[in-house]
Amino acid sequence: MFLKTSVPKSICNRCHRTLTDPLSIKREFGPVCYRKVVEPTERVKKMSTKAKEIKELPNVAEWFGWDKNELTN
């Protein structure tokens, strides 16, 4: 039986190349793969947060001619 350890892998989770940089080992992604996988996800999170802030502005739907029902979905 194998026990799961919390030691980071020294192989990239995306391209399976060997990682040598301590930060890359901690992230479990090389720098190129990190930009391709993780950063877009963070950008989407920021965009969805910004969208929520915009929805909370009074009458924003009317300003842009948006349907309020579409914004609530």
C-alpha atoms as a PDB file:
ATOM      1  CA  MET A   1       0.000   0.000   0.000  1.00  0.00           C
ATOM      2  CA  PHE A   2       1.321   3.419  -0.958  1.00  0.00           C
ATOM      3  CA  LEU A   3       0.987   6.392   1.324  1.00  0.00           C
ATOM      4  CA  LYS A   4       0.307   9.778  -0.189  1.00  0.00           C
ATOM      5  CA  THR A   5       3.012  12.248   0.761  1.00  0.00           C
ATOM      6  CA  SER A   6       2.984  16.020   0.635  1.00  0.00           C
ATOM      7  CA  VAL A   7       6.390  16.225  -1.036  1.00  0.00           C
ATOM      8  CA  PRO A   8       6.087  18.181  -4.311  1.00  0.00           C
ATOM      9  CA  LYS A   9       6.913  16.248  -7.466  1.00  0.00           C
ATOM     10  CA  SER A  10       9.981  17.210  -9.447  1.00  0.00           C
ATOM     11  CA  ILE A  11       8.160  16.528 -12.732  1.00  0.00           C
ATOM     12  CA  CYS A  12       5.865  19.039 -14.461  1.00  0.00           C
ATOM     13  CA  ASN A  13       2.177  18.124 -14.241  1.00  0.00           C
ATOM     14  CA  ARG A  14       1.611  19.282 -17.826  1.00  0.00           C
ATOM     15  CA  CYS A  15       4.600  18.309 -19.975  1.00  0.00           C
ATOM     16  CA  HIS A  16       6.248  15.789 -17.605  1.00  0.00           C
ATOM     17  CA  ARG A  17       9.676  17.368 -17.909  1.00  0.00           C
ATOM     18  CA  THR A  18      12.061  17.312 -14.968  1.00  0.00           C
ATOM     19  CA  LEU A  19      11.826  20.406 -12.770  1.00  0.00           C
ATOM     20  CA  THR A  20      14.968  21.855 -11.199  1.00  0.00           C
ATOM     21  CA  ASP A  21      13.897  25.312  -9.993  1.00  0.00           C
ATOM     22  CA  PRO A  22      12.587  25.291  -6.376  1.00  0.00           C
ATOM     23  CA  LEU A  23       9.613  27.531  -7.265  1.00  0.00           C
ATOM     24  CA  SER A  24       8.672  25.295 -10.198  1.00  0.00           C
ATOM     25  CA  ILE A  25       8.928  22.219  -7.978  1.00  0.00           C
ATOM     26  CA  LYS A  26       6.669  23.897  -5.431  1.00  0.00           C
ATOM     27  CA  ARG A  27       4.130  24.810  -8.141  1.00  0.00           C
ATOM     28  CA  GLU A  28       4.555  21.406  -9.847  1.00  0.00           C
ATOM     29  CA  PHE A  29       4.635  23.253 -13.183  1.00  0.00           C
ATOM     30  CA  GLY A  30       7.560  24.599 -15.198  1.00  0.00           C
ATOM     31  CA  PRO A  31       7.503  28.330 -16.000  1.00  0.00           C
ATOM     32  CA  VAL A  32       6.094  27.912 -19.522  1.00  0.00           C
ATOM     33  CA  CYS A  33       3.420  25.418 -18.469  1.00  0.00           C
ATOM     34  CA  TYR A  34       2.521  27.583 -15.482  1.00  0.00           C
ATOM     35  CA  ARG A  35       1.819  30.514 -17.822  1.00  0.00           C
ATOM     36  CA  LYS A  36      -0.258  28.297 -20.112  1.00  0.00           C
ATOM     37  CA  VAL A  37      -2.308  26.562 -17.417  1.00  0.00           C
ATOM     38  CA  VAL A  38      -2.457  28.518 -14.183  1.00  0.00           C
ATOM     39  CA  GLU A  39      -2.331  32.165 -15.242  1.00  0.00           C
ATOM     40  CA  PRO A  40      -5.347  31.933 -17.590  1.00  0.00           C
ATOM     41  CA  THR A  41      -7.334  30.402 -14.734  1.00  0.00           C
ATOM     42  CA  GLU A  42      -6.362  33.291 -12.464  1.00  0.00           C
ATOM     43  CA  ARG A  43      -7.333  35.764 -15.205  1.00  0.00           C
ATOM     44  CA  VAL A  44     -10.784  34.160 -15.489  1.00  0.00           C
ATOM     45  CA  LYS A  45     -11.243  34.436 -11.719  1.00  0.00           C
ATOM     46  CA  LYS A  46     -10.342  38.129 -11.842  1.00  0.00           C
ATOM     47  CA  MET A  47     -12.707  38.678 -14.770  1.00  0.00           C
ATOM     48  CA  SER A  48     -15.606  36.976 -12.986  1.00  0.00           C
ATOM     49  CA  THR A  49     -14.951  39.076  -9.881  1.00  0.00           C
ATOM     50  CA  LYS A  50     -14.931  42.216 -12.034  1.00  0.00           C
ATOM     51  CA  ALA A  51     -18.182  41.117 -13.715  1.00  0.00           C
ATOM     52  CA  LYS A  52     -19.837  40.741 -10.319  1.00  0.00           C
ATOM     53  CA  GLU A  53     -18.701  44.233  -9.374  1.00  0.00           C
ATOM     54  CA  ILE A  54     -20.126  45.634 -12.607  1.00  0.00           C
ATOM     55  CA  LYS A  55     -23.455  43.896 -12.052  1.00  0.00           C
ATOM     56  CA  GLU A  56     -23.712  45.541  -8.647  1.00  0.00           C
ATOM     57  CA  LEU A  57     -23.461  49.045 -10.132  1.00  0.00           C
ATOM     58  CA  PRO A  58     -26.862  50.744 -10.288  1.00  0.00           C
ATOM     59  CA  ASN A  59     -28.478  50.755 -13.731  1.00  0.00           C
ATOM     60  CA  VAL A  60     -25.425  49.307 -15.477  1.00  0.00           C
ATOM     61  CA  ALA A  61     -27.675  47.088 -17.578  1.00  0.00           C
ATOM     62  CA  GLU A  62     -29.594  50.107 -18.811  1.00  0.00           C
ATOM     63  CA  TRP A  63     -26.394  52.020 -19.625  1.00  0.00           C
ATOM     64  CA  PHE A  64     -25.228  49.314 -22.007  1.00  0.00           C
ATOM     65  CA  GLY A  65     -28.627  48.097 -23.179  1.00  0.00           C
ATOM     66  CA  TRP A  66     -28.195  44.695 -21.542  1.00  0.00           C
ATOM     67  CA  ASP A  67     -31.056  42.472 -20.476  1.00  0.00           C
ATOM     68  CA  LYS A  68     -31.098  42.338 -16.660  1.00  0.00           C
ATOM     69  CA  ASN A  69     -32.294  38.716 -16.752  1.00  0.00           C
ATOM     70  CA  GLU A  70     -29.170  37.672 -18.666  1.00  0.00           C
ATOM     71  CA  LEU A  71     -26.943  39.263 -16.026  1.00  0.00           C
ATOM     72  CA  THR A  72     -28.488  37.300 -13.186  1.00  0.00           C
ATOM     73  CA  ASN A  73     -27.654  33.910 -14.722  1.00  0.00           C
END
